[in-house]
Structures are given as C-alpha cells and as structure tokens.
Amino acid sequence: MNNQISRIEPASVIQSKRVDKAQLRRVCHEFESIFIQAVMKAMRKTIPQTTFFGKQWGKEIFESLFDAEICKMVSQKGGLGLGKILYEQMIQKLENQNTYFSKGL
C-alpha cells in the first residue's frame, strides 16, 4: 500500500472555489486511519512488556507497520465512521460558502 498521505491545501481550495469531492473523501478517510492508529498505539502502551522470550529485535517496527496497515483497512471498510462524518461536515460547510465542486460523487 502507498504510505504517502495525500496533501490538500485548504487555503488554495477555498481561494480557487473548487473542491474535488473524491480527493476530500480520501483525505477524510486517511485522517480517520491516522486517528485509529494513534488510538492503537496508545492501547499497545498499556500492554505489559515481558522479557520471557528475550530481546525481540524488530518487534516494535513490525507492530507499528502492522497497525498502520490494519488501520488503513479498517478506515476503508467504514471504520469508526469518523471519516464519513468529517467529510459530510466539510461538504456542508463548503456548500454554505457557495463553493463550486469540480467532481460530483
């Protein structure tokens, strides 16, 4: 999967008065994925660490990458609904500002 996060410049979007709904939806879901990942990271910190199996090289890196992929999949499948709510709120706010939408979805 692509680890690069889409970049959308809010100031340029508002100035140009054009919004790509597909890009806005994708960014909202990426935000949800990042949020879920932060929650999972906080949850992992609550698990007591053991040295029963000795030092496990790369365990933290593996868990971080694994969590990132799980969070992306959860977000794409609907996740917590945060991405959808954020998208709807932003669309409503932009419609109230009489913004032109470049692609209707």
Protein backbone atom coordinates (compact mmCIF):
# COMPACT_ATOMS: atom_id res chain seq x y z
CA MET A 1 0.00 0.00 0.00
CA ASN A 2 1.06 3.55 -0.54
CA ASN A 3 2.30 5.07 2.72
CA GLN A 4 2.30 8.59 1.35
CA ILE A 5 -0.55 10.72 2.67
CA SER A 6 -2.43 12.87 0.18
CA ARG A 7 -1.81 16.56 0.51
CA ILE A 8 -4.64 19.04 0.15
CA GLU A 9 -4.05 22.72 0.78
CA PRO A 10 -7.15 24.18 2.49
CA ALA A 11 -6.25 27.78 1.63
CA SER A 12 -5.80 27.02 -2.08
CA VAL A 13 -9.07 25.06 -2.17
CA ILE A 14 -11.04 27.93 -0.65
CA GLN A 15 -9.31 30.50 -2.87
CA SER A 16 -9.96 28.56 -6.07
CA LYS A 17 -13.58 27.85 -5.04
CA ARG A 18 -13.26 24.34 -6.48
CA VAL A 19 -13.30 21.15 -4.45
CA ASP A 20 -12.58 17.65 -5.70
CA LYS A 21 -15.07 15.58 -3.69
CA ALA A 22 -13.19 12.32 -4.31
CA GLN A 23 -9.95 13.82 -3.01
CA LEU A 24 -11.72 15.32 0.00
CA ARG A 25 -13.33 11.95 0.81
CA ARG A 26 -9.95 10.18 0.52
CA VAL A 27 -8.25 12.71 2.81
CA CYS A 28 -11.03 12.40 5.40
CA HIS A 29 -10.62 8.61 5.44
CA GLU A 30 -6.84 8.96 5.70
CA PHE A 31 -7.35 11.24 8.70
CA GLU A 32 -9.56 8.57 10.28
CA SER A 33 -6.84 5.98 9.64
CA ILE A 34 -4.25 8.17 11.38
CA PHE A 35 -6.62 8.69 14.31
CA ILE A 36 -7.25 4.94 14.67
CA GLN A 37 -3.51 4.32 14.50
CA ALA A 38 -2.92 6.80 17.36
CA VAL A 39 -5.57 5.01 19.43
CA MET A 40 -3.98 1.61 18.73
CA LYS A 41 -0.55 2.94 19.65
CA ALA A 42 -1.92 4.18 22.98
CA MET A 43 -3.59 0.80 23.54
CA ARG A 44 -0.32 -1.07 22.86
CA LYS A 45 1.42 1.01 25.53
CA THR A 46 -0.96 -0.42 28.14
CA ILE A 47 0.21 -4.00 27.46
CA PRO A 48 2.93 -5.06 29.91
CA GLN A 49 6.22 -5.91 28.19
CA THR A 50 7.86 -9.22 29.04
CA THR A 51 11.40 -10.45 28.59
CA PHE A 52 10.36 -14.10 28.79
CA PHE A 53 11.38 -14.72 25.17
CA GLY A 54 14.43 -12.45 25.39
CA LYS A 55 15.04 -9.36 23.31
CA GLN A 56 12.86 -9.40 20.22
CA TRP A 57 14.57 -7.34 17.56
CA GLY A 58 12.24 -5.58 15.19
CA LYS A 59 9.09 -6.31 17.20
CA GLU A 60 8.21 -2.62 17.61
CA ILE A 61 8.79 -1.91 13.92
CA PHE A 62 6.69 -4.89 12.88
CA GLU A 63 3.85 -3.91 15.24
CA SER A 64 3.93 -0.32 14.00
CA LEU A 65 3.76 -1.35 10.32
CA PHE A 66 1.13 -3.99 11.07
CA ASP A 67 -1.01 -1.47 12.98
CA ALA A 68 -0.71 1.06 10.15
CA GLU A 69 -1.99 -1.44 7.58
CA ILE A 70 -4.80 -2.65 9.85
CA CYS A 71 -5.87 0.97 10.44
CA LYS A 72 -5.93 1.69 6.70
CA MET A 73 -8.10 -1.37 6.06
CA VAL A 74 -10.46 -0.55 8.93
CA SER A 75 -10.84 3.03 7.68
CA GLN A 76 -11.51 1.88 4.09
CA LYS A 77 -14.21 -0.53 5.29
CA GLY A 78 -16.07 2.21 7.16
CA GLY A 79 -14.03 2.28 10.34
CA LEU A 80 -15.47 4.27 13.17
CA GLY A 81 -17.45 6.50 10.85
CA LEU A 82 -15.23 9.47 11.67
CA GLY A 83 -14.08 9.89 8.06
CA LYS A 84 -17.67 9.91 6.80
CA ILE A 85 -18.80 12.41 9.44
CA LEU A 86 -15.81 14.67 8.77
CA TYR A 87 -16.45 14.52 5.01
CA GLU A 88 -20.14 15.37 5.40
CA GLN A 89 -19.39 18.27 7.73
CA MET A 90 -16.77 19.70 5.39
CA ILE A 91 -19.05 19.35 2.35
CA GLN A 92 -21.87 21.11 4.21
CA LYS A 93 -19.52 23.90 5.30
CA LEU A 94 -18.20 24.36 1.75
CA GLU A 95 -21.72 24.30 0.26
CA ASN A 96 -22.70 27.05 2.68
CA GLN A 97 -19.81 29.09 1.29
CA ASN A 98 -21.17 28.60 -2.26
CA THR A 99 -18.12 26.61 -3.33
CA TYR A 100 -18.03 25.01 -6.75
CA PHE A 101 -17.45 21.23 -6.73
CA SER A 102 -15.26 20.04 -9.58
CA LYS A 103 -16.35 16.37 -9.42
CA GLY A 104 -19.67 15.20 -8.09
CA LEU A 105 -19.79 11.92 -6.18
